[in-house]
Amino acid sequence: MPYVLISTQIRLEAGPTMVGDEHSDPHLMSILGATKRSTLGNNFCEYYVNDAPRVVLDKLESLGYRVVSMTGVGQTLVWCLHRE
């Protein structure tokens, strides 16, 4: 998967960070130390790490990912990364 989205709530900018959905690459999620969770009321799972977004971005950069874009959506910060 060449694209990855990560996000965090503004009030949680020190972590945890959402690093993938239920269809994300399990090997990449393992490298990031992510665990799959389902929030009550959602019919889907997401991968989370306890690291701050900056730490996750550093890890992904070392794996060859580059930030394509970043935005704020309401109270959420979202980064889109791509790997060649």
Protein backbone atom coordinates (compact mmCIF):
# COMPACT_ATOMS: atom_id res chain seq x y z
CA MET A 1 0.00 0.00 0.00
CA PRO A 2 1.69 3.18 -1.09
CA TYR A 3 -0.68 5.54 0.82
CA VAL A 4 -1.15 5.88 4.57
CA LEU A 5 -3.45 8.20 6.51
CA ILE A 6 -2.72 9.01 10.13
CA SER A 7 -4.77 11.23 12.42
CA THR A 8 -5.24 12.40 15.97
CA GLN A 9 -7.64 14.58 17.89
CA ILE A 10 -6.28 18.08 18.60
CA ARG A 11 -6.74 17.55 22.33
CA LEU A 12 -4.74 14.28 22.00
CA GLU A 13 -1.78 15.63 20.01
CA ALA A 14 0.58 13.74 22.33
CA GLY A 15 -1.12 10.46 21.35
CA PRO A 16 -2.70 8.11 20.72
CA THR A 17 -2.44 8.30 16.94
CA MET A 18 -4.72 6.47 14.50
CA VAL A 19 -2.46 4.87 11.88
CA GLY A 20 -4.73 2.71 9.75
CA ASP A 21 -8.08 1.10 9.09
CA GLU A 22 -9.05 -2.56 9.19
CA HIS A 23 -7.73 -3.04 5.62
CA SER A 24 -4.23 -1.62 6.32
CA ASP A 25 -1.07 -3.63 5.71
CA PRO A 26 -0.66 -5.87 8.80
CA HIS A 27 3.13 -5.91 8.39
CA LEU A 28 3.34 -2.09 8.43
CA MET A 29 0.99 -1.95 11.43
CA SER A 30 3.27 -4.43 13.22
CA ILE A 31 6.36 -2.29 12.47
CA LEU A 32 4.56 0.76 13.91
CA GLY A 33 3.51 -1.23 17.00
CA ALA A 34 -0.16 -0.62 16.26
CA THR A 35 -3.06 -2.49 17.80
CA LYS A 36 -6.45 -2.95 16.18
CA ARG A 37 -9.44 -1.55 18.11
CA SER A 38 -13.13 -1.17 17.58
CA THR A 39 -14.95 1.74 19.21
CA LEU A 40 -18.37 1.06 20.68
CA GLY A 41 -21.00 1.92 18.07
CA ASN A 42 -18.66 1.58 15.07
CA ASN A 43 -18.94 -1.41 12.74
CA PHE A 44 -15.26 -1.14 11.72
CA CYS A 45 -11.83 -1.36 13.33
CA GLU A 46 -8.90 1.06 13.35
CA TYR A 47 -5.21 0.67 14.23
CA TYR A 48 -3.79 2.89 16.98
CA VAL A 49 -0.38 3.51 18.54
CA ASN A 50 0.24 5.35 21.80
CA ASP A 51 2.94 7.48 20.15
CA ALA A 52 2.53 11.15 19.28
CA PRO A 53 1.98 11.91 15.56
CA ARG A 54 5.53 13.31 15.30
CA VAL A 55 6.99 9.95 16.39
CA VAL A 56 4.78 8.09 13.90
CA LEU A 57 5.78 10.49 11.11
CA ASP A 58 9.47 9.91 11.93
CA LYS A 59 8.98 6.12 11.80
CA LEU A 60 7.12 6.32 8.48
CA GLU A 61 9.80 8.60 7.00
CA SER A 62 12.46 6.04 7.89
CA LEU A 63 10.37 3.48 5.95
CA GLY A 64 10.33 5.66 2.83
CA TYR A 65 7.01 7.47 3.28
CA ARG A 66 6.70 11.20 2.60
CA VAL A 67 3.95 13.59 3.69
CA VAL A 68 1.78 14.52 0.71
CA SER A 69 -0.67 16.72 2.59
CA MET A 70 -1.87 17.68 6.05
CA THR A 71 -5.13 19.28 7.14
CA GLY A 72 -7.39 19.91 10.09
CA VAL A 73 -10.94 18.55 9.96
CA GLY A 74 -12.95 19.88 12.89
CA GLN A 75 -11.00 18.79 15.97
CA THR A 76 -8.93 16.22 14.05
CA LEU A 77 -5.50 16.55 12.43
CA VAL A 78 -4.91 14.33 9.36
CA TRP A 79 -1.72 13.53 7.44
CA CYS A 80 -1.56 11.72 4.09
CA LEU A 81 1.71 9.96 3.30
CA HIS A 82 2.92 8.18 0.16
CA ARG A 83 5.73 5.74 -0.56
CA GLU A 84 7.23 5.36 -4.05
